[in-house]
Amino acid sequence: MTDQTESEIVHRTLDPDGDNPAVQVIEAVMDLEGVDSTELPTIYDCIDGMLTELFSNPPSPEAQMEVEFSYHRYRITVEQNGTAKFVKTG
């Protein structure tokens, strides 16, 4: 695996109390890619409600839980506090 340069890594903060965290991820990718949501694949197949579960029923802060998945040329890591990292993979 190659090292990622800082320009290929984008940090965002998702709202753990927001309506739909998957939509927040899609919006971030839309912004990063400069595309409309109709140009992106469905995210449901990638995470199947995992982010909603992470935010709606979070483990104790000591657990430092995170969800990592691939979506539309990005490797995305979302922590239980809403911190998200988008690493461009292609």
Protein backbone atom coordinates (compact mmCIF):
# COMPACT_ATOMS: atom_id res chain seq x y z
CA MET A 1 0.00 0.00 0.00
CA THR A 2 1.32 3.43 -0.88
CA ASP A 3 1.50 6.33 1.53
CA GLN A 4 -1.19 8.94 1.00
CA THR A 5 -0.16 12.57 0.67
CA GLU A 6 -2.05 15.09 2.75
CA SER A 7 -3.68 16.49 -0.41
CA GLU A 8 -5.35 13.11 -1.00
CA ILE A 9 -6.83 13.02 2.51
CA VAL A 10 -9.83 15.18 3.33
CA HIS A 11 -11.22 15.51 6.84
CA ARG A 12 -14.87 16.36 7.45
CA THR A 13 -17.15 16.33 10.46
CA LEU A 14 -20.50 14.59 10.21
CA ASP A 15 -23.34 15.50 12.56
CA PRO A 16 -23.95 12.44 14.79
CA ASP A 17 -27.37 13.92 15.64
CA GLY A 18 -28.26 14.58 11.99
CA ASP A 19 -31.05 12.81 10.15
CA ASN A 20 -29.09 10.44 7.93
CA PRO A 21 -25.32 10.05 8.21
CA ALA A 22 -25.12 8.16 4.89
CA VAL A 23 -26.59 11.21 3.14
CA GLN A 24 -23.92 13.34 4.81
CA VAL A 25 -21.25 11.04 3.34
CA ILE A 26 -22.83 11.29 -0.11
CA GLU A 27 -22.96 15.09 0.19
CA ALA A 28 -19.26 15.16 1.11
CA VAL A 29 -18.33 12.99 -1.88
CA MET A 30 -20.52 15.15 -4.16
CA ASP A 31 -18.60 18.19 -2.92
CA LEU A 32 -15.19 16.51 -3.32
CA GLU A 33 -15.96 15.24 -6.82
CA GLY A 34 -18.06 18.17 -8.02
CA VAL A 35 -20.86 15.83 -9.12
CA ASP A 36 -24.59 15.44 -8.54
CA SER A 37 -25.98 12.58 -6.45
CA THR A 38 -27.40 10.98 -9.60
CA GLU A 39 -23.81 10.40 -10.75
CA LEU A 40 -22.92 8.41 -7.63
CA PRO A 41 -23.70 4.76 -6.86
CA THR A 42 -26.08 3.89 -4.05
CA ILE A 43 -24.32 3.92 -0.70
CA TYR A 44 -26.72 1.47 0.92
CA ASP A 45 -24.88 -1.52 -0.57
CA CYS A 46 -21.64 -0.28 0.99
CA ILE A 47 -22.71 0.36 4.57
CA ASP A 48 -26.27 -0.96 5.01
CA GLY A 49 -27.24 1.29 7.93
CA MET A 50 -23.94 0.91 9.82
CA LEU A 51 -23.44 4.66 10.25
CA THR A 52 -26.97 5.15 11.52
CA GLU A 53 -26.34 2.43 14.11
CA LEU A 54 -22.98 3.95 15.06
CA PHE A 55 -24.56 7.35 15.74
CA SER A 56 -27.95 6.28 17.13
CA ASN A 57 -26.60 3.68 19.55
CA PRO A 58 -22.96 4.67 20.13
CA PRO A 59 -20.69 2.61 22.33
CA SER A 60 -18.94 4.27 25.25
CA PRO A 61 -16.37 6.91 24.23
CA GLU A 62 -13.61 4.62 25.52
CA ALA A 63 -14.44 2.15 22.75
CA GLN A 64 -13.26 4.61 20.09
CA MET A 65 -15.44 2.81 17.55
CA GLU A 66 -15.10 3.59 13.87
CA VAL A 67 -16.56 2.32 10.61
CA GLU A 68 -14.34 2.05 7.54
CA PHE A 69 -15.61 1.34 4.05
CA SER A 70 -14.98 2.04 0.37
CA TYR A 71 -17.33 4.21 -1.65
CA HIS A 72 -16.89 5.78 -5.10
CA ARG A 73 -13.08 5.96 -5.26
CA TYR A 74 -12.70 6.81 -1.56
CA ARG A 75 -11.71 4.85 1.52
CA ILE A 76 -13.85 6.46 4.21
CA THR A 77 -13.37 6.20 7.96
CA VAL A 78 -16.09 7.55 10.26
CA GLU A 79 -15.54 7.72 14.01
CA GLN A 80 -18.35 7.62 16.55
CA ASN A 81 -17.87 11.34 17.31
CA GLY A 82 -18.61 12.25 13.67
CA THR A 83 -15.03 12.78 12.51
CA ALA A 84 -14.68 11.47 8.95
CA LYS A 85 -11.64 10.91 6.78
CA PHE A 86 -11.92 10.56 2.99
CA VAL A 87 -8.88 9.06 1.25
CA LYS A 88 -9.00 9.10 -2.56
CA THR A 89 -8.14 5.65 -3.91
CA GLY A 90 -8.62 6.08 -7.61
